[in-house]
Amino acid sequence: MAETSERVTVRIPQELLEKLKQIQQTKQTSTISDTIREGLEQYIELNLPPQNIRKVVVELSRQDNRRLEEFVREGNSVSVDDAVRSAVREYIRSRLEQFGPSARTHRREGEPLTAEGSPPP
């Protein structure tokens, strides 16, 4: 956190406060303020990512999310985000290998790939 900070007062409905308390307990943050600050940081990161990074939000089933969290707890990755990034990189690498060198040379720099591994039409 920055050395100096500004106090901001925000009114929120009781229902939202209760949900924040649940998050605080689950994540074991020391205060509601820390929980809110963390949420704001994530909100800002999601809505104002660095220009060289594109955020993708993926909704997972509870079962897939639990499996990912267990994967991280077992020490197979440093975080869920890192595990997902690694999985995406590996998937793209394997798809590019499947299509051979032509898949890499026919795509312009920075052009996205479709789910099938080729440039969009």
PDB file of N, CA and C in Angstrom:
ATOM      1  N   MET A   1       0.844  -1.179   0.000  1.00  0.00           N
ATOM      2  CA  MET A   1       0.000   0.000   0.000  1.00  0.00           C
ATOM      3  C   MET A   1       0.887   1.238   0.000  1.00  0.00           C
ATOM      4  N   ALA A   2       0.406   2.347  -0.512  1.00  0.00           N
ATOM      5  CA  ALA A   2       1.145   3.595  -0.568  1.00  0.00           C
ATOM      6  C   ALA A   2       1.426   4.106   0.841  1.00  0.00           C
ATOM      7  N   GLU A   3       2.487   4.915   0.974  1.00  0.00           N
ATOM      8  CA  GLU A   3       2.845   5.445   2.286  1.00  0.00           C
ATOM      9  C   GLU A   3       1.772   6.379   2.831  1.00  0.00           C
ATOM     10  N   THR A   4       1.141   7.127   1.967  1.00  0.00           N
ATOM     11  CA  THR A   4       0.058   8.004   2.399  1.00  0.00           C
ATOM     12  C   THR A   4      -1.229   7.509   1.777  1.00  0.00           C
ATOM     13  N   SER A   5      -2.307   7.830   2.450  1.00  0.00           N
ATOM     14  CA  SER A   5      -3.602   7.418   1.910  1.00  0.00           C
ATOM     15  C   SER A   5      -4.626   8.484   2.224  1.00  0.00           C
ATOM     16  N   GLU A   6      -5.716   8.412   1.511  1.00  0.00           N
ATOM     17  CA  GLU A   6      -6.812   9.368   1.656  1.00  0.00           C
ATOM     18  C   GLU A   6      -8.001   8.627   2.243  1.00  0.00           C
ATOM     19  N   ARG A   7      -8.674   9.230   3.174  1.00  0.00           N
ATOM     20  CA  ARG A   7      -9.876   8.623   3.743  1.00  0.00           C
ATOM     21  C   ARG A   7     -11.061   8.955   2.837  1.00  0.00           C
ATOM     22  N   VAL A   8     -11.822   7.917   2.522  1.00  0.00           N
ATOM     23  CA  VAL A   8     -13.026   8.075   1.707  1.00  0.00           C
ATOM     24  C   VAL A   8     -14.171   7.408   2.464  1.00  0.00           C
ATOM     25  N   THR A   9     -15.266   8.112   2.599  1.00  0.00           N
ATOM     26  CA  THR A   9     -16.431   7.549   3.275  1.00  0.00           C
ATOM     27  C   THR A   9     -17.447   7.145   2.221  1.00  0.00           C
ATOM     28  N   VAL A  10     -17.912   5.916   2.332  1.00  0.00           N
ATOM     29  CA  VAL A  10     -18.872   5.380   1.364  1.00  0.00           C
ATOM     30  C   VAL A  10     -19.989   4.697   2.132  1.00  0.00           C
ATOM     31  N   ARG A  11     -21.209   4.989   1.735  1.00  0.00           N
ATOM     32  CA  ARG A  11     -22.354   4.301   2.337  1.00  0.00           C
ATOM     33  C   ARG A  11     -22.690   3.104   1.461  1.00  0.00           C
ATOM     34  N   ILE A  12     -22.863   1.950   2.107  1.00  0.00           N
ATOM     35  CA  ILE A  12     -23.235   0.746   1.371  1.00  0.00           C
ATOM     36  C   ILE A  12     -24.379   0.059   2.103  1.00  0.00           C
ATOM     37  N   PRO A  13     -25.219  -0.647   1.369  1.00  0.00           N
ATOM     38  CA  PRO A  13     -26.337  -1.350   1.999  1.00  0.00           C
ATOM     39  C   PRO A  13     -25.823  -2.448   2.949  1.00  0.00           C
ATOM     40  N   GLN A  14     -26.599  -2.749   3.963  1.00  0.00           N
ATOM     41  CA  GLN A  14     -26.240  -3.763   4.955  1.00  0.00           C
ATOM     42  C   GLN A  14     -25.946  -5.104   4.283  1.00  0.00           C
ATOM     43  N   GLU A  15     -26.727  -5.454   3.282  1.00  0.00           N
ATOM     44  CA  GLU A  15     -26.537  -6.732   2.574  1.00  0.00           C
ATOM     45  C   GLU A  15     -25.142  -6.809   1.952  1.00  0.00           C
ATOM     46  N   LEU A  16     -24.688  -5.716   1.360  1.00  0.00           N
ATOM     47  CA  LEU A  16     -23.358  -5.675   0.761  1.00  0.00           C
ATOM     48  C   LEU A  16     -22.278  -5.776   1.846  1.00  0.00           C
ATOM     49  N   LEU A  17     -22.497  -5.119   2.962  1.00  0.00           N
ATOM     50  CA  LEU A  17     -21.551  -5.184   4.080  1.00  0.00           C
ATOM     51  C   LEU A  17     -21.419  -6.617   4.583  1.00  0.00           C
ATOM     52  N   GLU A  18     -22.533  -7.327   4.672  1.00  0.00           N
ATOM     53  CA  GLU A  18     -22.489  -8.718   5.124  1.00  0.00           C
ATOM     54  C   GLU A  18     -21.684  -9.577   4.150  1.00  0.00           C
ATOM     55  N   LYS A  19     -21.852  -9.338   2.863  1.00  0.00           N
ATOM     56  CA  LYS A  19     -21.084 -10.087   1.863  1.00  0.00           C
ATOM     57  C   LYS A  19     -19.595  -9.765   1.975  1.00  0.00           C
ATOM     58  N   LEU A  20     -19.275  -8.497   2.231  1.00  0.00           N
ATOM     59  CA  LEU A  20     -17.876  -8.110   2.422  1.00  0.00           C
ATOM     60  C   LEU A  20     -17.281  -8.801   3.646  1.00  0.00           C
ATOM     61  N   LYS A  21     -18.071  -8.929   4.701  1.00  0.00           N
ATOM     62  CA  LYS A  21     -17.606  -9.620   5.905  1.00  0.00           C
ATOM     63  C   LYS A  21     -17.339 -11.096   5.609  1.00  0.00           C
ATOM     64  N   GLN A  22     -18.188 -11.703   4.787  1.00  0.00           N
ATOM     65  CA  GLN A  22     -17.965 -13.098   4.393  1.00  0.00           C
ATOM     66  C   GLN A  22     -16.648 -13.224   3.632  1.00  0.00           C
ATOM     67  N   ILE A  23     -16.415 -12.285   2.706  1.00  0.00           N
ATOM     68  CA  ILE A  23     -15.164 -12.299   1.939  1.00  0.00           C
ATOM     69  C   ILE A  23     -13.975 -12.096   2.870  1.00  0.00           C
ATOM     70  N   GLN A  24     -14.121 -11.180   3.816  1.00  0.00           N
ATOM     71  CA  GLN A  24     -13.045 -10.913   4.776  1.00  0.00           C
ATOM     72  C   GLN A  24     -12.687 -12.198   5.537  1.00  0.00           C
ATOM     73  N   GLN A  25     -13.691 -12.916   5.987  1.00  0.00           N
ATOM     74  CA  GLN A  25     -13.438 -14.154   6.725  1.00  0.00           C
ATOM     75  C   GLN A  25     -12.809 -15.218   5.829  1.00  0.00           C
ATOM     76  N   THR A  26     -13.309 -15.339   4.612  1.00  0.00           N
ATOM     77  CA  THR A  26     -12.794 -16.348   3.692  1.00  0.00           C
ATOM     78  C   THR A  26     -11.340 -16.068   3.315  1.00  0.00           C
ATOM     79  N   LYS A  27     -11.058 -14.821   2.984  1.00  0.00           N
ATOM     80  CA  LYS A  27      -9.705 -14.445   2.563  1.00  0.00           C
ATOM     81  C   LYS A  27      -8.795 -14.124   3.741  1.00  0.00           C
ATOM     82  N   GLN A  28      -9.383 -14.053   4.923  1.00  0.00           N
ATOM     83  CA  GLN A  28      -8.656 -13.766   6.158  1.00  0.00           C
ATOM     84  C   GLN A  28      -7.895 -12.431   6.099  1.00  0.00           C
ATOM     85  N   THR A  29      -8.545 -11.424   5.514  1.00  0.00           N
ATOM     86  CA  THR A  29      -7.960 -10.083   5.573  1.00  0.00           C
ATOM     87  C   THR A  29      -8.228  -9.527   6.962  1.00  0.00           C
ATOM     88  N   SER A  30      -7.350  -8.639   7.419  1.00  0.00           N
ATOM     89  CA  SER A  30      -7.436  -8.203   8.810  1.00  0.00           C
ATOM     90  C   SER A  30      -8.609  -7.265   9.082  1.00  0.00           C
ATOM     91  N   THR A  31      -9.010  -6.453   8.100  1.00  0.00           N
ATOM     92  CA  THR A  31     -10.110  -5.505   8.318  1.00  0.00           C
ATOM     93  C   THR A  31     -11.011  -5.440   7.089  1.00  0.00           C
ATOM     94  N   ILE A  32     -12.198  -4.909   7.299  1.00  0.00           N
ATOM     95  CA  ILE A  32     -13.107  -4.656   6.173  1.00  0.00           C
ATOM     96  C   ILE A  32     -12.448  -3.671   5.209  1.00  0.00           C
ATOM     97  N   SER A  33     -11.763  -2.674   5.746  1.00  0.00           N
ATOM     98  CA  SER A  33     -11.075  -1.694   4.888  1.00  0.00           C
ATOM     99  C   SER A  33     -10.087  -2.389   3.960  1.00  0.00           C
ATOM    100  N   ASP A  34      -9.319  -3.354   4.489  1.00  0.00           N
ATOM    101  CA  ASP A  34      -8.376  -4.088   3.645  1.00  0.00           C
ATOM    102  C   ASP A  34      -9.105  -4.881   2.575  1.00  0.00           C
ATOM    103  N   THR A  35     -10.235  -5.457   2.951  1.00  0.00           N
ATOM    104  CA  THR A  35     -11.035  -6.232   1.996  1.00  0.00           C
ATOM    105  C   THR A  35     -11.545  -5.320   0.883  1.00  0.00           C
ATOM    106  N   ILE A  36     -12.062  -4.177   1.243  1.00  0.00           N
ATOM    107  CA  ILE A  36     -12.577  -3.215   0.258  1.00  0.00           C
ATOM    108  C   ILE A  36     -11.439  -2.706  -0.622  1.00  0.00           C
ATOM    109  N   ARG A  37     -10.303  -2.388  -0.005  1.00  0.00           N
ATOM    110  CA  ARG A  37      -9.150  -1.891  -0.760  1.00  0.00           C
ATOM    111  C   ARG A  37      -8.694  -2.927  -1.794  1.00  0.00           C
ATOM    112  N   GLU A  38      -8.637  -4.190  -1.369  1.00  0.00           N
ATOM    113  CA  GLU A  38      -8.245  -5.259  -2.292  1.00  0.00           C
ATOM    114  C   GLU A  38      -9.246  -5.369  -3.445  1.00  0.00           C
ATOM    115  N   GLY A  39     -10.537  -5.276  -3.106  1.00  0.00           N
ATOM    116  CA  GLY A  39     -11.563  -5.327  -4.145  1.00  0.00           C
ATOM    117  C   GLY A  39     -11.453  -4.162  -5.113  1.00  0.00           C
ATOM    118  N   LEU A  40     -11.171  -2.976  -4.586  1.00  0.00           N
ATOM    119  CA  LEU A  40     -10.998  -1.804  -5.456  1.00  0.00           C
ATOM    120  C   LEU A  40      -9.791  -1.964  -6.365  1.00  0.00           C
ATOM    121  N   GLU A  41      -8.705  -2.498  -5.817  1.00  0.00           N
ATOM    122  CA  GLU A  41      -7.508  -2.723  -6.638  1.00  0.00           C
ATOM    123  C   GLU A  41      -7.807  -3.683  -7.783  1.00  0.00           C
ATOM    124  N   GLN A  42      -8.547  -4.754  -7.491  1.00  0.00           N
ATOM    125  CA  GLN A  42      -8.911  -5.709  -8.536  1.00  0.00           C
ATOM    126  C   GLN A  42      -9.861  -5.075  -9.554  1.00  0.00           C
ATOM    127  N   TYR A  43     -10.794  -4.260  -9.088  1.00  0.00           N
ATOM    128  CA  TYR A  43     -11.729  -3.574  -9.986  1.00  0.00           C
ATOM    129  C   TYR A  43     -10.963  -2.647 -10.924  1.00  0.00           C
ATOM    130  N   ILE A  44     -10.022  -1.892 -10.374  1.00  0.00           N
ATOM    131  CA  ILE A  44      -9.229  -0.973 -11.190  1.00  0.00           C
ATOM    132  C   ILE A  44      -8.373  -1.748 -12.181  1.00  0.00           C
ATOM    133  N   GLU A  45      -7.753  -2.830 -11.722  1.00  0.00           N
ATOM    134  CA  GLU A  45      -6.918  -3.645 -12.601  1.00  0.00           C
ATOM    135  C   GLU A  45      -7.737  -4.229 -13.748  1.00  0.00           C
ATOM    136  N   LEU A  46      -8.959  -4.632 -13.443  1.00  0.00           N
ATOM    137  CA  LEU A  46      -9.833  -5.207 -14.465  1.00  0.00           C
ATOM    138  C   LEU A  46     -10.281  -4.154 -15.472  1.00  0.00           C
ATOM    139  N   ASN A  47     -10.549  -2.940 -14.991  1.00  0.00           N
ATOM    140  CA  ASN A  47     -11.082  -1.900 -15.859  1.00  0.00           C
ATOM    141  C   ASN A  47     -10.022  -0.980 -16.448  1.00  0.00           C
ATOM    142  N   LEU A  48      -8.834  -0.955 -15.876  1.00  0.00           N
ATOM    143  CA  LEU A  48      -7.741  -0.135 -16.403  1.00  0.00           C
ATOM    144  C   LEU A  48      -6.446  -0.950 -16.433  1.00  0.00           C
ATOM    145  N   PRO A  49      -6.418  -2.052 -17.178  1.00  0.00           N
ATOM    146  CA  PRO A  49      -5.192  -2.847 -17.209  1.00  0.00           C
ATOM    147  C   PRO A  49      -4.101  -2.091 -17.976  1.00  0.00           C
ATOM    148  N   PRO A  50      -2.833  -2.436 -17.740  1.00  0.00           N
ATOM    149  CA  PRO A  50      -1.767  -1.823 -18.543  1.00  0.00           C
ATOM    150  C   PRO A  50      -2.046  -2.044 -20.023  1.00  0.00           C
ATOM    151  N   GLN A  51      -1.600  -1.121 -20.861  1.00  0.00           N
ATOM    152  CA  GLN A  51      -1.934  -1.195 -22.282  1.00  0.00           C
ATOM    153  C   GLN A  51      -1.388  -2.434 -22.960  1.00  0.00           C
ATOM    154  N   ASN A  52      -0.288  -2.989 -22.448  1.00  0.00           N
ATOM    155  CA  ASN A  52       0.287  -4.168 -23.098  1.00  0.00           C
ATOM    156  C   ASN A  52      -0.338  -5.478 -22.605  1.00  0.00           C
ATOM    157  N   ILE A  53      -1.303  -5.374 -21.684  1.00  0.00           N
ATOM    158  CA  ILE A  53      -1.943  -6.570 -21.140  1.00  0.00           C
ATOM    159  C   ILE A  53      -3.438  -6.500 -21.394  1.00  0.00           C
ATOM    160  N   ARG A  54      -3.991  -7.603 -21.848  1.00  0.00           N
ATOM    161  CA  ARG A  54      -5.437  -7.675 -22.051  1.00  0.00           C
ATOM    162  C   ARG A  54      -5.989  -8.665 -21.046  1.00  0.00           C
ATOM    163  N   LYS A  55      -6.943  -8.229 -20.271  1.00  0.00           N
ATOM    164  CA  LYS A  55      -7.573  -9.083 -19.278  1.00  0.00           C
ATOM    165  C   LYS A  55      -8.705  -9.864 -19.926  1.00  0.00           C
ATOM    166  N   VAL A  56      -8.815 -11.103 -19.555  1.00  0.00           N
ATOM    167  CA  VAL A  56      -9.919 -11.943 -19.996  1.00  0.00           C
ATOM    168  C   VAL A  56     -10.564 -12.509 -18.741  1.00  0.00           C
ATOM    169  N   VAL A  57     -11.854 -12.370 -18.631  1.00  0.00           N
ATOM    170  CA  VAL A  57     -12.573 -12.899 -17.479  1.00  0.00           C
ATOM    171  C   VAL A  57     -13.279 -14.177 -17.926  1.00  0.00           C
ATOM    172  N   VAL A  58     -13.024 -15.241 -17.183  1.00  0.00           N
ATOM    173  CA  VAL A  58     -13.609 -16.533 -17.511  1.00  0.00           C
ATOM    174  C   VAL A  58     -14.375 -17.021 -16.290  1.00  0.00           C
ATOM    175  N   GLU A  59     -15.619 -17.368 -16.485  1.00  0.00           N
ATOM    176  CA  GLU A  59     -16.403 -17.916 -15.386  1.00  0.00           C
ATOM    177  C   GLU A  59     -16.256 -19.432 -15.408  1.00  0.00           C
ATOM    178  N   LEU A  60     -15.910 -19.978 -14.252  1.00  0.00           N
ATOM    179  CA  LEU A  60     -15.716 -21.415 -14.125  1.00  0.00           C
ATOM    180  C   LEU A  60     -16.793 -22.009 -13.244  1.00  0.00           C
ATOM    181  N   SER A  61     -17.051 -23.273 -13.463  1.00  0.00           N
ATOM    182  CA  SER A  61     -17.980 -23.971 -12.575  1.00  0.00           C
ATOM    183  C   SER A  61     -17.325 -24.073 -11.201  1.00  0.00           C
ATOM    184  N   ARG A  62     -18.127 -24.300 -10.186  1.00  0.00           N
ATOM    185  CA  ARG A  62     -17.571 -24.453  -8.832  1.00  0.00           C
ATOM    186  C   ARG A  62     -16.577 -25.602  -8.784  1.00  0.00           C
ATOM    187  N   GLN A  63     -16.915 -26.679  -9.482  1.00  0.00           N
ATOM    188  CA  GLN A  63     -16.041 -27.852  -9.478  1.00  0.00           C
ATOM    189  C   GLN A  63     -14.688 -27.519 -10.111  1.00  0.00           C
ATOM    190  N   ASP A  64     -14.688 -26.840 -11.257  1.00  0.00           N
ATOM    191  CA  ASP A  64     -13.430 -26.463 -11.903  1.00  0.00           C
ATOM    192  C   ASP A  64     -12.641 -25.491 -11.030  1.00  0.00           C
ATOM    193  N   ASN A  65     -13.335 -24.567 -10.404  1.00  0.00           N
ATOM    194  CA  ASN A  65     -12.667 -23.606  -9.528  1.00  0.00           C
ATOM    195  C   ASN A  65     -12.031 -24.322  -8.331  1.00  0.00           C
ATOM    196  N   ARG A  66     -12.761 -25.269  -7.741  1.00  0.00           N
ATOM    197  CA  ARG A  66     -12.208 -26.043  -6.613  1.00  0.00           C
ATOM    198  C   ARG A  66     -10.976 -26.825  -7.052  1.00  0.00           C
ATOM    199  N   ARG A  67     -11.048 -27.410  -8.240  1.00  0.00           N
ATOM    200  CA  ARG A  67      -9.897 -28.175  -8.749  1.00  0.00           C
ATOM    201  C   ARG A  67      -8.682 -27.269  -8.947  1.00  0.00           C
ATOM    202  N   LEU A  68      -8.922 -26.090  -9.491  1.00  0.00           N
ATOM    203  CA  LEU A  68      -7.818 -25.138  -9.674  1.00  0.00           C
ATOM    204  C   LEU A  68      -7.225 -24.727  -8.335  1.00  0.00           C
ATOM    205  N   GLU A  69      -8.073 -24.418  -7.359  1.00  0.00           N
ATOM    206  CA  GLU A  69      -7.583 -24.024  -6.039  1.00  0.00           C
ATOM    207  C   GLU A  69      -6.801 -25.158  -5.388  1.00  0.00           C
ATOM    208  N   GLU A  70      -7.263 -26.385  -5.554  1.00  0.00           N
ATOM    209  CA  GLU A  70      -6.549 -27.537  -5.002  1.00  0.00           C
ATOM    210  C   GLU A  70      -5.199 -27.703  -5.701  1.00  0.00           C
ATOM    211  N   PHE A  71      -5.174 -27.510  -7.000  1.00  0.00           N
ATOM    212  CA  PHE A  71      -3.950 -27.570  -7.798  1.00  0.00           C
ATOM    213  C   PHE A  71      -2.911 -26.593  -7.239  1.00  0.00           C
ATOM    214  N   VAL A  72      -3.363 -25.385  -6.894  1.00  0.00           N
ATOM    215  CA  VAL A  72      -2.483 -24.362  -6.333  1.00  0.00           C
ATOM    216  C   VAL A  72      -2.051 -24.759  -4.919  1.00  0.00           C
ATOM    217  N   ARG A  73      -2.985 -25.200  -4.092  1.00  0.00           N
ATOM    218  CA  ARG A  73      -2.650 -25.598  -2.712  1.00  0.00           C
ATOM    219  C   ARG A  73      -1.616 -26.714  -2.679  1.00  0.00           C
ATOM    220  N   GLU A  74      -1.677 -27.600  -3.667  1.00  0.00           N
ATOM    221  CA  GLU A  74      -0.719 -28.715  -3.732  1.00  0.00           C
ATOM    222  C   GLU A  74       0.655 -28.259  -4.205  1.00  0.00           C
ATOM    223  N   GLY A  75       0.773 -26.959  -4.548  1.00  0.00           N
ATOM    224  CA  GLY A  75       2.071 -26.422  -4.950  1.00  0.00           C
ATOM    225  C   GLY A  75       2.381 -26.548  -6.421  1.00  0.00           C
ATOM    226  N   ASN A  76       1.375 -26.868  -7.241  1.00  0.00           N
ATOM    227  CA  ASN A  76       1.600 -27.032  -8.671  1.00  0.00           C
ATOM    228  C   ASN A  76       1.661 -25.705  -9.422  1.00  0.00           C
ATOM    229  N   SER A  77       1.248 -24.632  -8.765  1.00  0.00           N
ATOM    230  CA  SER A  77       1.276 -23.297  -9.359  1.00  0.00           C
ATOM    231  C   SER A  77       1.272 -22.291  -8.211  1.00  0.00           C
ATOM    232  N   VAL A  78       1.744 -21.075  -8.506  1.00  0.00           N
ATOM    233  CA  VAL A  78       1.796 -20.074  -7.433  1.00  0.00           C
ATOM    234  C   VAL A  78       0.447 -19.433  -7.177  1.00  0.00           C
ATOM    235  N   SER A  79      -0.443 -19.445  -8.168  1.00  0.00           N
ATOM    236  CA  SER A  79      -1.774 -18.860  -8.012  1.00  0.00           C
ATOM    237  C   SER A  79      -2.708 -19.447  -9.052  1.00  0.00           C
ATOM    238  N   VAL A  80      -3.998 -19.240  -8.838  1.00  0.00           N
ATOM    239  CA  VAL A  80      -4.991 -19.675  -9.823  1.00  0.00           C
ATOM    240  C   VAL A  80      -4.765 -18.921 -11.126  1.00  0.00           C
ATOM    241  N   ASP A  81      -4.513 -17.607 -11.038  1.00  0.00           N
ATOM    242  CA  ASP A  81      -4.262 -16.821 -12.253  1.00  0.00           C
ATOM    243  C   ASP A  81      -3.082 -17.386 -13.035  1.00  0.00           C
ATOM    244  N   ASP A  82      -2.007 -17.715 -12.330  1.00  0.00           N
ATOM    245  CA  ASP A  82      -0.817 -18.259 -12.985  1.00  0.00           C
ATOM    246  C   ASP A  82      -1.122 -19.603 -13.636  1.00  0.00           C
ATOM    247  N   ALA A  83      -1.900 -20.448 -12.951  1.00  0.00           N
ATOM    248  CA  ALA A  83      -2.269 -21.748 -13.508  1.00  0.00           C
ATOM    249  C   ALA A  83      -3.084 -21.584 -14.786  1.00  0.00           C
ATOM    250  N   VAL A  84      -4.013 -20.640 -14.789  1.00  0.00           N
ATOM    251  CA  VAL A  84      -4.841 -20.404 -15.983  1.00  0.00           C
ATOM    252  C   VAL A  84      -3.976 -19.858 -17.118  1.00  0.00           C
ATOM    253  N   ARG A  85      -3.093 -18.880 -16.804  1.00  0.00           N
ATOM    254  CA  ARG A  85      -2.196 -18.338 -17.851  1.00  0.00           C
ATOM    255  C   ARG A  85      -1.347 -19.442 -18.455  1.00  0.00           C
ATOM    256  N   SER A  86      -0.796 -20.311 -17.604  1.00  0.00           N
ATOM    257  CA  SER A  86       0.038 -21.413 -18.103  1.00  0.00           C
ATOM    258  C   SER A  86      -0.770 -22.359 -18.983  1.00  0.00           C
ATOM    259  N   ALA A  87      -1.993 -22.653 -18.558  1.00  0.00           N
ATOM    260  CA  ALA A  87      -2.848 -23.547 -19.337  1.00  0.00           C
ATOM    261  C   ALA A  87      -3.170 -22.946 -20.704  1.00  0.00           C
ATOM    262  N   VAL A  88      -3.444 -21.648 -20.735  1.00  0.00           N
ATOM    263  CA  VAL A  88      -3.755 -20.987 -22.010  1.00  0.00           C
ATOM    264  C   VAL A  88      -2.525 -21.001 -22.920  1.00  0.00           C
ATOM    265  N   ARG A  89      -1.344 -20.662 -22.367  1.00  0.00           N
ATOM    266  CA  ARG A  89      -0.112 -20.684 -23.175  1.00  0.00           C
ATOM    267  C   ARG A  89       0.136 -22.072 -23.754  1.00  0.00           C
ATOM    268  N   GLU A  90      -0.021 -23.107 -22.901  1.00  0.00           N
ATOM    269  CA  GLU A  90       0.204 -24.476 -23.352  1.00  0.00           C
ATOM    270  C   GLU A  90      -0.806 -24.870 -24.426  1.00  0.00           C
ATOM    271  N   TYR A  91      -2.054 -24.484 -24.248  1.00  0.00           N
ATOM    272  CA  TYR A  91      -3.088 -24.797 -25.238  1.00  0.00           C
ATOM    273  C   TYR A  91      -2.755 -24.151 -26.588  1.00  0.00           C
ATOM    274  N   ILE A  92      -2.383 -22.877 -26.557  1.00  0.00           N
ATOM    275  CA  ILE A  92      -2.055 -22.172 -27.803  1.00  0.00           C
ATOM    276  C   ILE A  92      -0.831 -22.798 -28.458  1.00  0.00           C
ATOM    277  N   ARG A  93       0.203 -23.103 -27.647  1.00  0.00           N
ATOM    278  CA  ARG A  93       1.407 -23.724 -28.193  1.00  0.00           C
ATOM    279  C   ARG A  93       1.068 -25.058 -28.873  1.00  0.00           C
ATOM    280  N   SER A  94       0.275 -25.886 -28.206  1.00  0.00           N
ATOM    281  CA  SER A  94      -0.051 -27.193 -28.783  1.00  0.00           C
ATOM    282  C   SER A  94      -0.904 -27.046 -30.037  1.00  0.00           C
ATOM    283  N   ARG A  95      -1.818 -26.079 -30.038  1.00  0.00           N
ATOM    284  CA  ARG A  95      -2.640 -25.863 -31.244  1.00  0.00           C
ATOM    285  C   ARG A  95      -1.797 -25.363 -32.410  1.00  0.00           C
ATOM    286  N   LEU A  96      -0.856 -24.469 -32.117  1.00  0.00           N
ATOM    287  CA  LEU A  96       0.028 -23.973 -33.178  1.00  0.00           C
ATOM    288  C   LEU A  96       0.890 -25.103 -33.728  1.00  0.00           C
ATOM    289  N   GLU A  97       1.381 -25.972 -32.864  1.00  0.00           N
ATOM    290  CA  GLU A  97       2.158 -27.122 -33.324  1.00  0.00           C
ATOM    291  C   GLU A  97       1.295 -28.045 -34.171  1.00  0.00           C
ATOM    292  N   GLN A  98       0.055 -28.198 -33.804  1.00  0.00           N
ATOM    293  CA  GLN A  98      -0.863 -29.061 -34.542  1.00  0.00           C
ATOM    294  C   GLN A  98      -1.055 -28.553 -35.967  1.00  0.00           C
ATOM    295  N   PHE A  99      -1.142 -27.227 -36.113  1.00  0.00           N
ATOM    296  CA  PHE A  99      -1.346 -26.647 -37.438  1.00  0.00           C
ATOM    297  C   PHE A  99      -0.045 -26.406 -38.167  1.00  0.00           C
ATOM    298  N   GLY A 100       1.085 -26.593 -37.514  1.00  0.00           N
ATOM    299  CA  GLY A 100       2.395 -26.442 -38.143  1.00  0.00           C
ATOM    300  C   GLY A 100       2.798 -24.988 -38.295  1.00  0.00           C
ATOM    301  N   PRO A 101       3.944 -24.768 -38.950  1.00  0.00           N
ATOM    302  CA  PRO A 101       4.483 -23.411 -39.085  1.00  0.00           C
ATOM    303  C   PRO A 101       3.563 -22.456 -39.841  1.00  0.00           C
ATOM    304  N   SER A 102       2.708 -22.980 -40.724  1.00  0.00           N
ATOM    305  CA  SER A 102       1.835 -22.089 -41.494  1.00  0.00           C
ATOM    306  C   SER A 102       0.872 -21.325 -40.600  1.00  0.00           C
ATOM    307  N   ALA A 103       0.486 -21.897 -39.472  1.00  0.00           N
ATOM    308  CA  ALA A 103      -0.428 -21.199 -38.558  1.00  0.00           C
ATOM    309  C   ALA A 103       0.230 -19.968 -37.971  1.00  0.00           C
ATOM    310  N   ARG A 104       1.546 -20.021 -37.792  1.00  0.00           N
ATOM    311  CA  ARG A 104       2.253 -18.874 -37.226  1.00  0.00           C
ATOM    312  C   ARG A 104       2.565 -17.824 -38.271  1.00  0.00           C
ATOM    313  N   THR A 105       2.855 -18.233 -39.496  1.00  0.00           N
ATOM    314  CA  THR A 105       3.275 -17.271 -40.513  1.00  0.00           C
ATOM    315  C   THR A 105       2.103 -16.595 -41.200  1.00  0.00           C
ATOM    316  N   HIS A 106       0.923 -17.203 -41.218  1.00  0.00           N
ATOM    317  CA  HIS A 106      -0.226 -16.607 -41.891  1.00  0.00           C
ATOM    318  C   HIS A 106      -0.954 -15.597 -41.024  1.00  0.00           C
ATOM    319  N   ARG A 107      -0.579 -15.527 -39.768  1.00  0.00           N
ATOM    320  CA  ARG A 107      -1.242 -14.614 -38.849  1.00  0.00           C
ATOM    321  C   ARG A 107      -0.403 -13.350 -38.724  1.00  0.00           C
ATOM    322  N   ARG A 108      -1.060 -12.191 -38.830  1.00  0.00           N
ATOM    323  CA  ARG A 108      -0.348 -10.930 -38.633  1.00  0.00           C
ATOM    324  C   ARG A 108      -0.018 -10.750 -37.164  1.00  0.00           C
ATOM    325  N   GLU A 109       1.071 -10.028 -36.881  1.00  0.00           N
ATOM    326  CA  GLU A 109       1.492  -9.749 -35.518  1.00  0.00           C
ATOM    327  C   GLU A 109       0.354  -9.107 -34.731  1.00  0.00           C
ATOM    328  N   GLY A 110       0.046  -9.660 -33.568  1.00  0.00           N
ATOM    329  CA  GLY A 110      -0.981  -9.094 -32.702  1.00  0.00           C
ATOM    330  C   GLY A 110      -2.393  -9.518 -33.048  1.00  0.00           C
ATOM    331  N   GLU A 111      -2.569 -10.238 -34.147  1.00  0.00           N
ATOM    332  CA  GLU A 111      -3.907 -10.675 -34.549  1.00  0.00           C
ATOM    333  C   GLU A 111      -4.345 -11.825 -33.650  1.00  0.00           C
ATOM    334  N   PRO A 112      -5.561 -11.776 -33.117  1.00  0.00           N
ATOM    335  CA  PRO A 112      -5.999 -12.830 -32.188  1.00  0.00           C
ATOM    336  C   PRO A 112      -6.271 -14.139 -32.906  1.00  0.00           C
ATOM    337  N   LEU A 113      -6.219 -15.209 -32.152  1.00  0.00           N
ATOM    338  CA  LEU A 113      -6.590 -16.517 -32.670  1.00  0.00           C
ATOM    339  C   LEU A 113      -8.011 -16.827 -32.245  1.00  0.00           C
ATOM    340  N   THR A 114      -8.723 -17.577 -33.081  1.00  0.00           N
ATOM    341  CA  THR A 114     -10.048 -18.045 -32.685  1.00  0.00           C
ATOM    342  C   THR A 114      -9.871 -19.272 -31.813  1.00  0.00           C
ATOM    343  N   ALA A 115     -10.961 -19.819 -31.327  1.00  0.00           N
ATOM    344  CA  ALA A 115     -10.902 -21.019 -30.504  1.00  0.00           C
ATOM    345  C   ALA A 115     -10.311 -22.188 -31.291  1.00  0.00           C
ATOM    346  N   GLU A 116     -10.441 -22.141 -32.600  1.00  0.00           N
ATOM    347  CA  GLU A 116      -9.915 -23.231 -33.438  1.00  0.00           C
ATOM    348  C   GLU A 116      -8.425 -23.073 -33.683  1.00  0.00           C
ATOM    349  N   GLY A 117      -7.810 -21.958 -33.258  1.00  0.00           N
ATOM    350  CA  GLY A 117      -6.384 -21.775 -33.396  1.00  0.00           C
ATOM    351  C   GLY A 117      -5.976 -21.055 -34.665  1.00  0.00           C
ATOM    352  N   SER A 118      -6.935 -20.545 -35.424  1.00  0.00           N
ATOM    353  CA  SER A 118      -6.590 -19.826 -36.639  1.00  0.00           C
ATOM    354  C   SER A 118      -7.113 -18.385 -36.529  1.00  0.00           C
ATOM    355  N   PRO A 119      -6.582 -17.488 -37.376  1.00  0.00           N
ATOM    356  CA  PRO A 119      -7.060 -16.104 -37.317  1.00  0.00           C
ATOM    357  C   PRO A 119      -8.548 -16.032 -37.616  1.00  0.00           C
ATOM    358  N   PRO A 120      -9.237 -15.057 -37.041  1.00  0.00           N
ATOM    359  CA  PRO A 120     -10.662 -14.913 -37.337  1.00  0.00           C
ATOM    360  C   PRO A 120     -10.866 -14.515 -38.783  1.00  0.00           C
ATOM    361  N   PRO A 121     -12.019 -14.811 -39.357  1.00  0.00           N
ATOM    362  CA  PRO A 121     -12.266 -14.486 -40.776  1.00  0.00           C
ATOM    363  C   PRO A 121     -12.261 -12.991 -41.027  1.00  0.00           C
TER     364      PRO A 121
END
